[in-house]
Structure formats: structure tokens, C-alpha cells
Amino acid sequence: MNRFGKCFGRTIVAVAFVVTLASTLPAAADSIEVAPGVQVTKRSYTAPINEQPFFGFAVKNPEEKASDEKFVGAIVGATGSREKAFDEITMRGWRAINTGKIREAALRFNQAFLISPEQSAIYHGLAVVAQFRFNDLDAADELFGIALKQPNPVKALRADYGRMLLIAKRPRDALPVLEQAVKDAPDFSDAWTNLAIARFQNGDAAAACAAAEEAAKRRPSNNSGGDLTAVRNAAQCR
């Protein structure tokens, strides 16, 4: 299992009362099978293909395929197994996200896709890339949904998904996701903060304050501290 299965999350950016607008190029209506039984809507963006999710769905020539195979062979050889290779590359991807290096994150999760295309972390990481690099909430929503169904999801998956739904101004959809998120990662303060926001936006100020209190007991990230203060003020928590 991915070593990040025991970690609580990626504190990417402050969430709460912000709207992000999509800026994709017109998306094709067709979908592509990227792993056995996994279909993803084909989308393209104005960026190098190795910085786009799934390499921009580009058809690779024999030289490019050989290069991919060489990379996979080298990293598996260096780490000792395909699982360890996947863990190493996704670790680099999460580290890039945590430090705001979203372009690098795209490269890493694309590399992880070459190693084990069925793993949840790929779709999770690329959902974050679609959201924060390309401002494409539809793509992020689709990829988060796929990540929930794939093997070995990290504990922060629903916390990140719920945050995206709040940014998309979908608090009703966000609420059940975040209710589960705090069960998946009960020590992750940001998940409690976002749950407080979702509860407040769904009209339950008392429950919002209860979630905010849980968030305050933990260690809020620098990104969520302002959100926690804002929701406590809005809900008139004591």
C-alpha cells in the first residue's frame, strides 16, 4: 500500500469562500480507457503534454513508448519493486503539491501512472493538478470520483474532494463527503474546518461550531487558519 495511506493530507490552498473558473480548451466528448475498466473524459490544456493529466492523452510513438519503458525499468530497479517505485514517485508528487509546485506534481503523477495506472493516488493527484493548475473543476470532480473507486486511496482523499466541492459552490454535495473525511482522517484539522464550512453553508450553524471546535483542538494549517476564524465568526460560535 502507498506509504501515504497513513498520512492526513495535502494542505494545498485556503478554501472556503472562493470560486474557481474553468479555463480548459474545449473538451472532447469521448472518453479514454486509461487503466483496465477506468474511463476518463479526454481533455486538453495549453501546457506541455507531460504536464497535462495522462500526458494529454497523446498517442505516443515507438521512441516515446521505449523511453517510458526505460524509465519504469530504471525506477523499479533502483527501488527494488514496482510498489516501492510507485511509492517513491507519488511521494515526490505529494511533496511538490505541498510546496506549491503543481507543474512538477503533474510530471510525478504522470510518471506514477506509467508504473501502476490502476492506483487511486494517481487520480487523486491529477485531480489536484486539474483543479489548481488548470482551474478545471469538472475534470477534478471526475478524477476525484474515480480515485474513490480505485485501490489504496489515501486518508486525505475525501478531505481534498470535499474542499474542491466547496470551491465549486456545491456545499450539499460537499457535506457527506466531508462528514466521511473526518472519519477517515480524524486528526486532520483542515477536514474539520471544511466540514464546519459545509455545515454552515447548509444551514446548520450549531453543527458548524461543533466541527470548528474539533478543528481548533488540532493543529490548523497556515492555509486553513483564516477559514476557521471566518466560519466561526459567520456561525457566531462562542
C-alpha atoms as a PDB file:
ATOM      1  CA  MET A   1       0.000   0.000   0.000  1.00  0.00           C
ATOM      2  CA  ASN A   2       1.155   3.528  -0.730  1.00  0.00           C
ATOM      3  CA  ARG A   3       3.023   4.871   2.306  1.00  0.00           C
ATOM      4  CA  PHE A   4       0.805   7.964   2.173  1.00  0.00           C
ATOM      5  CA  GLY A   5      -2.169   5.831   3.159  1.00  0.00           C
ATOM      6  CA  LYS A   6      -1.271   6.741   6.733  1.00  0.00           C
ATOM      7  CA  CYS A   7      -0.853  10.465   6.119  1.00  0.00           C
ATOM      8  CA  PHE A   8      -3.542  13.025   6.565  1.00  0.00           C
ATOM      9  CA  GLY A   9      -3.308  15.249   3.577  1.00  0.00           C
ATOM     10  CA  ARG A  10      -2.016  17.899   1.387  1.00  0.00           C
ATOM     11  CA  THR A  11      -2.604  21.418   2.680  1.00  0.00           C
ATOM     12  CA  ILE A  12      -2.827  22.941  -0.748  1.00  0.00           C
ATOM     13  CA  VAL A  13      -4.510  26.315  -0.503  1.00  0.00           C
ATOM     14  CA  ALA A  14      -7.116  28.037   1.586  1.00  0.00           C
ATOM     15  CA  VAL A  15     -10.536  27.026   0.565  1.00  0.00           C
ATOM     16  CA  ALA A  16     -13.530  28.308   1.613  1.00  0.00           C
ATOM     17  CA  PHE A  17     -15.472  31.086   0.154  1.00  0.00           C
ATOM     18  CA  VAL A  18     -13.641  31.265  -3.182  1.00  0.00           C
ATOM     19  CA  VAL A  19     -14.823  30.410  -6.683  1.00  0.00           C
ATOM     20  CA  THR A  20     -12.529  28.966  -9.341  1.00  0.00           C
ATOM     21  CA  LEU A  21     -13.463  29.265 -13.002  1.00  0.00           C
ATOM     22  CA  ALA A  22     -12.655  26.620 -15.588  1.00  0.00           C
ATOM     23  CA  SER A  23     -10.076  27.508 -18.229  1.00  0.00           C
ATOM     24  CA  THR A  24      -9.762  24.396 -20.303  1.00  0.00           C
ATOM     25  CA  LEU A  25      -9.689  24.199 -24.014  1.00  0.00           C
ATOM     26  CA  PRO A  26     -12.932  22.742 -25.396  1.00  0.00           C
ATOM     27  CA  ALA A  27     -13.054  19.153 -24.180  1.00  0.00           C
ATOM     28  CA  ALA A  28     -13.716  16.283 -26.486  1.00  0.00           C
ATOM     29  CA  ALA A  29     -16.888  14.370 -25.689  1.00  0.00           C
ATOM     30  CA  ASP A  30     -15.205  10.987 -25.894  1.00  0.00           C
ATOM     31  CA  SER A  31     -13.515   9.100 -23.110  1.00  0.00           C
ATOM     32  CA  ILE A  32     -10.340   7.050 -22.997  1.00  0.00           C
ATOM     33  CA  GLU A  33      -9.605   3.859 -21.087  1.00  0.00           C
ATOM     34  CA  VAL A  34      -6.514   4.711 -19.052  1.00  0.00           C
ATOM     35  CA  ALA A  35      -6.440   1.529 -16.954  1.00  0.00           C
ATOM     36  CA  PRO A  36      -8.454  -1.685 -17.070  1.00  0.00           C
ATOM     37  CA  GLY A  37     -12.071  -0.670 -16.538  1.00  0.00           C
ATOM     38  CA  VAL A  38     -11.217   3.017 -15.953  1.00  0.00           C
ATOM     39  CA  GLN A  39     -12.594   5.549 -18.438  1.00  0.00           C
ATOM     40  CA  VAL A  40     -11.582   9.227 -18.275  1.00  0.00           C
ATOM     41  CA  THR A  41     -13.037  12.060 -20.337  1.00  0.00           C
ATOM     42  CA  LYS A  42     -10.493  13.259 -22.860  1.00  0.00           C
ATOM     43  CA  ARG A  43      -9.455  16.836 -22.139  1.00  0.00           C
ATOM     44  CA  SER A  44      -6.611  19.010 -23.405  1.00  0.00           C
ATOM     45  CA  TYR A  45      -4.940  22.098 -21.984  1.00  0.00           C
ATOM     46  CA  THR A  46      -2.440  24.721 -23.065  1.00  0.00           C
ATOM     47  CA  ALA A  47       0.606  23.100 -21.486  1.00  0.00           C
ATOM     48  CA  PRO A  48       3.339  20.623 -22.420  1.00  0.00           C
ATOM     49  CA  ILE A  49       1.851  17.141 -22.634  1.00  0.00           C
ATOM     50  CA  ASN A  50       3.928  15.795 -19.747  1.00  0.00           C
ATOM     51  CA  GLU A  51       2.372  18.474 -17.521  1.00  0.00           C
ATOM     52  CA  GLN A  52      -1.187  17.536 -18.526  1.00  0.00           C
ATOM     53  CA  PRO A  53      -3.083  14.700 -16.832  1.00  0.00           C
ATOM     54  CA  PHE A  54      -2.380  11.399 -18.579  1.00  0.00           C
ATOM     55  CA  PHE A  55       0.125  13.131 -20.863  1.00  0.00           C
ATOM     56  CA  GLY A  56      -2.710  14.989 -22.551  1.00  0.00           C
ATOM     57  CA  PHE A  57      -3.977  11.657 -23.912  1.00  0.00           C
ATOM     58  CA  ALA A  58      -1.367  11.978 -26.645  1.00  0.00           C
ATOM     59  CA  VAL A  59      -0.694   8.961 -28.873  1.00  0.00           C
ATOM     60  CA  LYS A  60       2.948   8.098 -28.281  1.00  0.00           C
ATOM     61  CA  ASN A  61       5.326   6.987 -30.981  1.00  0.00           C
ATOM     62  CA  PRO A  62       7.615   3.929 -30.580  1.00  0.00           C
ATOM     63  CA  GLU A  63      10.520   6.034 -29.321  1.00  0.00           C
ATOM     64  CA  GLU A  64       8.372   7.663 -26.640  1.00  0.00           C
ATOM     65  CA  LYS A  65       6.989   4.292 -25.575  1.00  0.00           C
ATOM     66  CA  ALA A  66      10.512   2.910 -25.328  1.00  0.00           C
ATOM     67  CA  SER A  67      11.533   5.899 -23.218  1.00  0.00           C
ATOM     68  CA  ASP A  68       8.611   5.256 -20.856  1.00  0.00           C
ATOM     69  CA  GLU A  69       9.584   1.606 -20.510  1.00  0.00           C
ATOM     70  CA  LYS A  70      13.170   2.578 -19.825  1.00  0.00           C
ATOM     71  CA  PHE A  71      12.069   4.973 -17.086  1.00  0.00           C
ATOM     72  CA  VAL A  72       9.867   2.375 -15.416  1.00  0.00           C
ATOM     73  CA  GLY A  73      12.603  -0.236 -15.584  1.00  0.00           C
ATOM     74  CA  ALA A  74      15.147   2.140 -14.082  1.00  0.00           C
ATOM     75  CA  ILE A  75      12.993   3.294 -11.156  1.00  0.00           C
ATOM     76  CA  VAL A  76      11.828  -0.255 -10.375  1.00  0.00           C
ATOM     77  CA  GLY A  77      15.444  -1.402 -10.473  1.00  0.00           C
ATOM     78  CA  ALA A  78      16.568   1.430  -8.216  1.00  0.00           C
ATOM     79  CA  THR A  79      13.841   0.928  -5.611  1.00  0.00           C
ATOM     80  CA  GLY A  80      13.589  -2.851  -5.726  1.00  0.00           C
ATOM     81  CA  SER A  81       9.959  -3.359  -6.713  1.00  0.00           C
ATOM     82  CA  ARG A  82       7.112  -1.812  -8.666  1.00  0.00           C
ATOM     83  CA  GLU A  83       5.257  -0.988  -5.438  1.00  0.00           C
ATOM     84  CA  LYS A  84       8.268   0.801  -3.955  1.00  0.00           C
ATOM     85  CA  ALA A  85       8.822   2.645  -7.224  1.00  0.00           C
ATOM     86  CA  PHE A  86       5.219   3.824  -7.165  1.00  0.00           C
ATOM     87  CA  ASP A  87       5.518   4.952  -3.546  1.00  0.00           C
ATOM     88  CA  GLU A  88       8.714   6.881  -4.299  1.00  0.00           C
ATOM     89  CA  ILE A  89       7.261   8.738  -7.263  1.00  0.00           C
ATOM     90  CA  THR A  90       3.957   9.573  -5.587  1.00  0.00           C
ATOM     91  CA  MET A  91       5.855  10.787  -2.519  1.00  0.00           C
ATOM     92  CA  ARG A  92       7.626  13.247  -4.802  1.00  0.00           C
ATOM     93  CA  GLY A  93       4.258  14.238  -6.260  1.00  0.00           C
ATOM     94  CA  TRP A  94       2.671  14.963  -2.876  1.00  0.00           C
ATOM     95  CA  ARG A  95       5.786  16.869  -1.814  1.00  0.00           C
ATOM     96  CA  ALA A  96       5.505  19.002  -4.953  1.00  0.00           C
ATOM     97  CA  ILE A  97       1.848  19.732  -4.203  1.00  0.00           C
ATOM     98  CA  ASN A  98       2.634  20.661  -0.599  1.00  0.00           C
ATOM     99  CA  THR A  99       5.240  23.154  -1.760  1.00  0.00           C
ATOM    100  CA  GLY A 100       3.077  24.653  -4.496  1.00  0.00           C
ATOM    101  CA  LYS A 101       4.997  23.089  -7.376  1.00  0.00           C
ATOM    102  CA  ILE A 102       1.956  21.951  -9.311  1.00  0.00           C
ATOM    103  CA  ARG A 103       3.784  21.558 -12.611  1.00  0.00           C
ATOM    104  CA  GLU A 104       6.230  19.163 -11.015  1.00  0.00           C
ATOM    105  CA  ALA A 105       3.345  17.344  -9.358  1.00  0.00           C
ATOM    106  CA  ALA A 106       1.812  16.729 -12.778  1.00  0.00           C
ATOM    107  CA  LEU A 107       5.083  15.244 -14.007  1.00  0.00           C
ATOM    108  CA  ARG A 108       5.326  12.943 -10.985  1.00  0.00           C
ATOM    109  CA  PHE A 109       1.775  11.644 -11.109  1.00  0.00           C
ATOM    110  CA  ASN A 110       2.128  11.027 -14.828  1.00  0.00           C
ATOM    111  CA  GLN A 111       5.247   9.014 -14.049  1.00  0.00           C
ATOM    112  CA  ALA A 112       3.328   7.106 -11.378  1.00  0.00           C
ATOM    113  CA  PHE A 113       0.662   6.424 -13.990  1.00  0.00           C
ATOM    114  CA  LEU A 114       3.292   4.652 -16.095  1.00  0.00           C
ATOM    115  CA  ILE A 115       4.158   2.410 -13.151  1.00  0.00           C
ATOM    116  CA  SER A 116       0.746   1.395 -11.747  1.00  0.00           C
ATOM    117  CA  PRO A 117      -2.124   3.020 -13.668  1.00  0.00           C
ATOM    118  CA  GLU A 118      -4.849   1.461 -11.512  1.00  0.00           C
ATOM    119  CA  GLN A 119      -3.866   3.132  -8.213  1.00  0.00           C
ATOM    120  CA  SER A 120      -6.131   5.695  -6.533  1.00  0.00           C
ATOM    121  CA  ALA A 121      -3.301   8.133  -5.782  1.00  0.00           C
ATOM    122  CA  ILE A 122      -2.805   8.842  -9.497  1.00  0.00           C
ATOM    123  CA  TYR A 123      -6.367  10.055  -9.975  1.00  0.00           C
ATOM    124  CA  HIS A 124      -6.266  11.935  -6.669  1.00  0.00           C
ATOM    125  CA  GLY A 125      -3.019  13.703  -7.546  1.00  0.00           C
ATOM    126  CA  LEU A 126      -4.114  14.524 -11.086  1.00  0.00           C
ATOM    127  CA  ALA A 127      -7.437  15.817  -9.757  1.00  0.00           C
ATOM    128  CA  VAL A 128      -5.468  18.316  -7.694  1.00  0.00           C
ATOM    129  CA  VAL A 129      -3.458  19.225 -10.798  1.00  0.00           C
ATOM    130  CA  ALA A 130      -6.633  19.724 -12.851  1.00  0.00           C
ATOM    131  CA  GLN A 131      -8.067  21.900 -10.103  1.00  0.00           C
ATOM    132  CA  PHE A 132      -5.126  24.106  -9.242  1.00  0.00           C
ATOM    133  CA  ARG A 133      -3.071  24.147 -12.443  1.00  0.00           C
ATOM    134  CA  PHE A 134      -5.875  24.275 -14.983  1.00  0.00           C
ATOM    135  CA  ASN A 135      -8.814  25.546 -12.913  1.00  0.00           C
ATOM    136  CA  ASP A 136     -10.911  22.694 -14.311  1.00  0.00           C
ATOM    137  CA  LEU A 137     -13.361  21.700 -11.609  1.00  0.00           C
ATOM    138  CA  ASP A 138     -15.284  19.325 -13.882  1.00  0.00           C
ATOM    139  CA  ALA A 139     -12.131  17.317 -14.551  1.00  0.00           C
ATOM    140  CA  ALA A 140     -11.187  17.406 -10.877  1.00  0.00           C
ATOM    141  CA  ASP A 141     -14.647  16.185  -9.909  1.00  0.00           C
ATOM    142  CA  GLU A 142     -14.418  13.286 -12.346  1.00  0.00           C
ATOM    143  CA  LEU A 143     -10.931  12.285 -11.205  1.00  0.00           C
ATOM    144  CA  PHE A 144     -11.760  12.506  -7.511  1.00  0.00           C
ATOM    145  CA  GLY A 145     -14.747  10.260  -8.169  1.00  0.00           C
ATOM    146  CA  ILE A 146     -12.523   7.718  -9.894  1.00  0.00           C
ATOM    147  CA  ALA A 147      -9.947   7.924  -7.091  1.00  0.00           C
ATOM    148  CA  LEU A 148     -12.619   6.881  -4.601  1.00  0.00           C
ATOM    149  CA  LYS A 149     -13.138   3.628  -6.521  1.00  0.00           C
ATOM    150  CA  GLN A 150      -9.515   2.674  -7.133  1.00  0.00           C
ATOM    151  CA  PRO A 151      -7.165   0.666  -4.888  1.00  0.00           C
ATOM    152  CA  ASN A 152      -5.336   2.133  -1.900  1.00  0.00           C
ATOM    153  CA  PRO A 153      -6.875   5.608  -1.518  1.00  0.00           C
ATOM    154  CA  VAL A 154      -5.035   7.899   0.885  1.00  0.00           C
ATOM    155  CA  LYS A 155      -6.825   9.048   4.008  1.00  0.00           C
ATOM    156  CA  ALA A 156      -6.962  12.661   2.839  1.00  0.00           C
ATOM    157  CA  LEU A 157      -8.850  11.832  -0.372  1.00  0.00           C
ATOM    158  CA  ARG A 158     -12.308  12.860   0.791  1.00  0.00           C
ATOM    159  CA  ALA A 159     -10.929  15.915   2.582  1.00  0.00           C
ATOM    160  CA  ASP A 160      -9.411  17.130  -0.694  1.00  0.00           C
ATOM    161  CA  TYR A 161     -12.529  16.186  -2.659  1.00  0.00           C
ATOM    162  CA  GLY A 162     -14.829  17.959  -0.228  1.00  0.00           C
ATOM    163  CA  ARG A 163     -12.693  21.075  -0.371  1.00  0.00           C
ATOM    164  CA  MET A 164     -12.967  21.091  -4.160  1.00  0.00           C
ATOM    165  CA  LEU A 165     -16.756  20.791  -3.934  1.00  0.00           C
ATOM    166  CA  LEU A 166     -16.851  23.791  -1.596  1.00  0.00           C
ATOM    167  CA  ILE A 167     -14.776  25.815  -4.037  1.00  0.00           C
ATOM    168  CA  ALA A 168     -17.214  24.766  -6.766  1.00  0.00           C
ATOM    169  CA  LYS A 169     -20.048  26.160  -4.622  1.00  0.00           C
ATOM    170  CA  ARG A 170     -21.580  22.723  -4.107  1.00  0.00           C
ATOM    171  CA  PRO A 171     -21.986  22.594  -0.320  1.00  0.00           C
ATOM    172  CA  ARG A 172     -24.762  19.993  -0.435  1.00  0.00           C
ATOM    173  CA  ASP A 173     -22.518  17.607  -2.315  1.00  0.00           C
ATOM    174  CA  ALA A 174     -19.558  18.506  -0.114  1.00  0.00           C
ATOM    175  CA  LEU A 175     -21.307  17.780   3.183  1.00  0.00           C
ATOM    176  CA  PRO A 176     -21.499  13.955   3.073  1.00  0.00           C
ATOM    177  CA  VAL A 177     -18.007  13.766   1.585  1.00  0.00           C
ATOM    178  CA  LEU A 178     -16.579  15.835   4.442  1.00  0.00           C
ATOM    179  CA  GLU A 179     -18.610  14.002   7.090  1.00  0.00           C
ATOM    180  CA  GLN A 180     -16.796  10.866   5.958  1.00  0.00           C
ATOM    181  CA  ALA A 181     -13.495  12.732   5.568  1.00  0.00           C
ATOM    182  CA  VAL A 182     -13.252  13.436   9.298  1.00  0.00           C
ATOM    183  CA  LYS A 183     -13.894   9.745   9.968  1.00  0.00           C
ATOM    184  CA  ASP A 184     -11.170   8.759   7.523  1.00  0.00           C
ATOM    185  CA  ALA A 185      -8.674  11.241   8.987  1.00  0.00           C
ATOM    186  CA  PRO A 186      -9.955  12.375  12.404  1.00  0.00           C
ATOM    187  CA  ASP A 187      -6.747  14.199  13.296  1.00  0.00           C
ATOM    188  CA  PHE A 188      -6.689  16.290  10.102  1.00  0.00           C
ATOM    189  CA  SER A 189      -7.733  19.770  11.263  1.00  0.00           C
ATOM    190  CA  ASP A 190      -8.374  21.124   7.778  1.00  0.00           C
ATOM    191  CA  ALA A 191     -11.006  18.439   7.140  1.00  0.00           C
ATOM    192  CA  TRP A 192     -12.861  19.583  10.258  1.00  0.00           C
ATOM    193  CA  THR A 193     -12.598  23.211   9.145  1.00  0.00           C
ATOM    194  CA  ASN A 194     -14.053  22.398   5.749  1.00  0.00           C
ATOM    195  CA  LEU A 195     -16.785  20.316   7.395  1.00  0.00           C
ATOM    196  CA  ALA A 196     -17.643  23.344   9.530  1.00  0.00           C
ATOM    197  CA  ILE A 197     -17.928  25.436   6.368  1.00  0.00           C
ATOM    198  CA  ALA A 198     -20.104  22.834   4.652  1.00  0.00           C
ATOM    199  CA  ARG A 199     -22.390  22.537   7.661  1.00  0.00           C
ATOM    200  CA  PHE A 200     -22.746  26.307   7.913  1.00  0.00           C
ATOM    201  CA  GLN A 201     -23.457  26.680   4.199  1.00  0.00           C
ATOM    202  CA  ASN A 202     -26.122  24.000   4.556  1.00  0.00           C
ATOM    203  CA  GLY A 203     -27.818  25.995   7.289  1.00  0.00           C
ATOM    204  CA  ASP A 204     -26.646  24.223  10.451  1.00  0.00           C
ATOM    205  CA  ALA A 205     -24.700  26.784  12.461  1.00  0.00           C
ATOM    206  CA  ALA A 206     -24.660  24.727  15.673  1.00  0.00           C
ATOM    207  CA  ALA A 207     -23.135  21.729  13.919  1.00  0.00           C
ATOM    208  CA  ALA A 208     -20.704  24.048  12.144  1.00  0.00           C
ATOM    209  CA  CYS A 209     -19.498  25.330  15.502  1.00  0.00           C
ATOM    210  CA  ALA A 210     -19.062  21.773  16.765  1.00  0.00           C
ATOM    211  CA  ALA A 211     -16.855  20.951  13.773  1.00  0.00           C
ATOM    212  CA  ALA A 212     -14.955  24.220  14.188  1.00  0.00           C
ATOM    213  CA  GLU A 213     -14.266  23.315  17.808  1.00  0.00           C
ATOM    214  CA  GLU A 214     -12.842  19.972  16.693  1.00  0.00           C
ATOM    215  CA  ALA A 215     -10.650  21.781  14.148  1.00  0.00           C
ATOM    216  CA  ALA A 216      -9.343  24.156  16.797  1.00  0.00           C
ATOM    217  CA  LYS A 217      -8.353  21.249  19.063  1.00  0.00           C
ATOM    218  CA  ARG A 218      -5.983  20.053  16.394  1.00  0.00           C
ATOM    219  CA  ARG A 219      -3.299  21.962  14.537  1.00  0.00           C
ATOM    220  CA  PRO A 220      -4.847  24.037  11.724  1.00  0.00           C
ATOM    221  CA  SER A 221      -2.573  24.585   8.768  1.00  0.00           C
ATOM    222  CA  ASN A 222      -1.446  28.065   7.798  1.00  0.00           C
ATOM    223  CA  ASN A 223      -3.800  27.811   4.829  1.00  0.00           C
ATOM    224  CA  SER A 224      -6.927  26.998   6.827  1.00  0.00           C
ATOM    225  CA  GLY A 225      -6.483  29.222   9.876  1.00  0.00           C
ATOM    226  CA  GLY A 226      -8.265  32.132   8.227  1.00  0.00           C
ATOM    227  CA  ASP A 227     -11.085  29.888   7.071  1.00  0.00           C
ATOM    228  CA  LEU A 228     -11.565  28.568  10.597  1.00  0.00           C
ATOM    229  CA  THR A 229     -11.795  32.077  12.004  1.00  0.00           C
ATOM    230  CA  ALA A 230     -14.177  33.128   9.233  1.00  0.00           C
ATOM    231  CA  VAL A 231     -16.607  30.254   9.706  1.00  0.00           C
ATOM    232  CA  ARG A 232     -16.594  30.630  13.496  1.00  0.00           C
ATOM    233  CA  ASN A 233     -17.435  34.301  13.112  1.00  0.00           C
ATOM    234  CA  ALA A 234     -20.105  33.653  10.485  1.00  0.00           C
ATOM    235  CA  ALA A 235     -21.745  30.942  12.592  1.00  0.00           C
ATOM    236  CA  GLN A 236     -21.434  33.111  15.723  1.00  0.00           C
ATOM    237  CA  CYS A 237     -19.666  30.366  17.638  1.00  0.00           C
ATOM    238  CA  ARG A 238     -18.858  31.038  21.252  1.00  0.00           C
END
